[in-house]
Protein backbone atom coordinates (compact mmCIF):
# COMPACT_ATOMS: atom_id res chain seq x y z
CA MET A 1 -5.86 15.36 -45.77
CA LEU A 2 -7.59 13.96 -42.66
CA LYS A 3 -5.50 10.79 -43.09
CA LYS A 4 -2.22 12.86 -43.14
CA THR A 5 -3.29 14.86 -40.08
CA ILE A 6 -3.94 11.65 -38.12
CA ALA A 7 -0.59 10.12 -39.35
CA ALA A 8 1.37 13.17 -38.26
CA LEU A 9 -0.31 13.47 -35.02
CA SER A 10 0.25 9.81 -34.26
CA LEU A 11 3.84 10.27 -35.31
CA LEU A 12 4.30 13.18 -32.97
CA SER A 13 2.56 11.35 -29.95
CA ILE A 14 4.68 8.48 -30.49
CA LEU A 15 7.80 10.61 -30.58
CA ALA A 16 6.72 12.68 -27.71
CA ALA A 17 6.24 9.40 -25.53
CA CYS A 18 9.83 8.15 -26.20
CA GLN A 19 12.16 9.00 -23.47
CA ASN A 20 15.93 8.44 -22.69
CA ASP A 21 16.54 5.83 -20.59
CA GLU A 22 20.16 6.51 -19.85
CA ASN A 23 19.52 8.01 -16.32
CA PRO A 24 16.72 5.81 -14.95
CA SER A 25 14.77 7.64 -12.31
CA GLN A 26 14.01 4.57 -10.19
CA PRO A 27 16.38 3.32 -7.50
CA GLU A 28 18.30 0.07 -7.86
CA PRO A 29 16.29 -2.89 -6.61
CA LYS A 30 17.58 -4.34 -3.03
CA PRO A 31 19.24 -7.46 -3.37
CA ARG A 32 17.32 -10.75 -2.66
CA GLN A 33 17.17 -12.16 0.80
CA ASP A 34 16.23 -15.65 1.63
CA ILE A 35 13.26 -16.35 3.96
CA ASN A 36 14.01 -18.99 6.55
CA LEU A 37 10.92 -21.16 6.88
CA THR A 38 10.07 -23.30 10.03
CA ARG A 39 9.31 -26.92 9.57
CA ALA A 40 5.63 -26.51 9.49
CA GLU A 41 5.79 -23.88 6.72
CA GLN A 42 8.15 -26.00 4.72
CA GLU A 43 5.78 -29.02 5.21
CA PHE A 44 2.85 -26.89 4.23
CA MET A 45 4.75 -25.51 1.23
CA ASP A 46 5.76 -29.24 0.12
CA LYS A 47 2.25 -30.52 0.40
CA GLY A 48 0.90 -27.64 -1.51
CA THR A 49 3.35 -28.10 -4.31
CA ASP A 50 2.67 -31.98 -4.23
CA PHE A 51 -0.99 -31.07 -4.69
CA ALA A 52 -0.47 -28.71 -7.59
CA PHE A 53 1.69 -31.23 -9.67
CA ARG A 54 -0.74 -34.28 -8.90
CA PHE A 55 -3.81 -31.93 -9.73
CA PHE A 56 -2.17 -30.91 -13.14
CA ASP A 57 -1.29 -34.47 -13.90
CA GLN A 58 -4.99 -35.65 -13.35
CA VAL A 59 -6.32 -32.77 -15.35
CA CYS A 60 -4.06 -33.18 -18.32
CA SER A 61 -4.61 -37.11 -18.27
CA THR A 62 -8.38 -36.60 -18.47
CA GLU A 63 -8.07 -34.17 -21.29
CA LYS A 64 -6.96 -36.42 -24.36
CA GLU A 65 -9.29 -34.55 -26.73
CA LYS A 66 -8.17 -31.01 -26.02
CA PRO A 67 -4.36 -30.98 -24.95
CA ASN A 68 -4.21 -27.31 -24.58
CA VAL A 69 -5.50 -26.93 -20.98
CA PHE A 70 -5.30 -23.93 -18.59
CA VAL A 71 -5.77 -24.74 -15.07
CA SER A 72 -4.62 -23.06 -11.84
CA PRO A 73 -3.70 -25.35 -9.02
CA LEU A 74 -3.53 -22.41 -6.76
CA SER A 75 -7.25 -21.37 -7.33
CA ALA A 76 -8.22 -24.99 -6.99
CA SER A 77 -6.35 -25.35 -3.71
CA LEU A 78 -7.80 -22.23 -2.45
CA CYS A 79 -11.36 -23.41 -3.50
CA LEU A 80 -10.90 -26.95 -1.65
CA SER A 81 -9.55 -24.92 1.53
CA MET A 82 -12.65 -22.70 1.59
CA ILE A 83 -14.81 -25.86 1.33
CA THR A 84 -13.20 -27.53 4.19
CA LYS A 85 -13.31 -24.46 6.28
CA GLY A 86 -16.94 -24.33 5.80
CA LEU A 87 -17.05 -21.01 4.17
CA LEU A 88 -19.31 -22.26 1.31
CA ILE A 89 -21.72 -23.81 3.70
CA ILE A 90 -22.09 -20.64 5.79
CA ARG A 91 -22.53 -18.39 2.50
CA LEU A 92 -25.40 -20.97 1.35
CA LEU A 93 -27.18 -20.56 4.54
CA ARG A 94 -26.60 -16.92 4.81
CA CYS A 95 -28.32 -16.67 1.19
CA ARG A 96 -31.13 -18.79 2.19
CA MET A 97 -31.99 -16.54 5.20
CA TYR A 98 -32.50 -13.51 3.11
């Protein structure tokens, strides 16, 4: 009896969750607008893309035994930029002071 009640309640909740999508309540999305980049911004983007592909190639070439590798070039790039800015050193010094 309990199984039938749970099945009936599950079916009712599924049917109640269904809705008619013929008239969407959300407005239509705006058309895409291109962003004009300056020369410096374009060079920065090109260098970031180049780094991402070189980083991925390097990681994939070193992982022969495990070919399924998940890496994030963006995370690596952000990490390296934080190191070059000295944020890691400042954090270590603050931790040692306390």
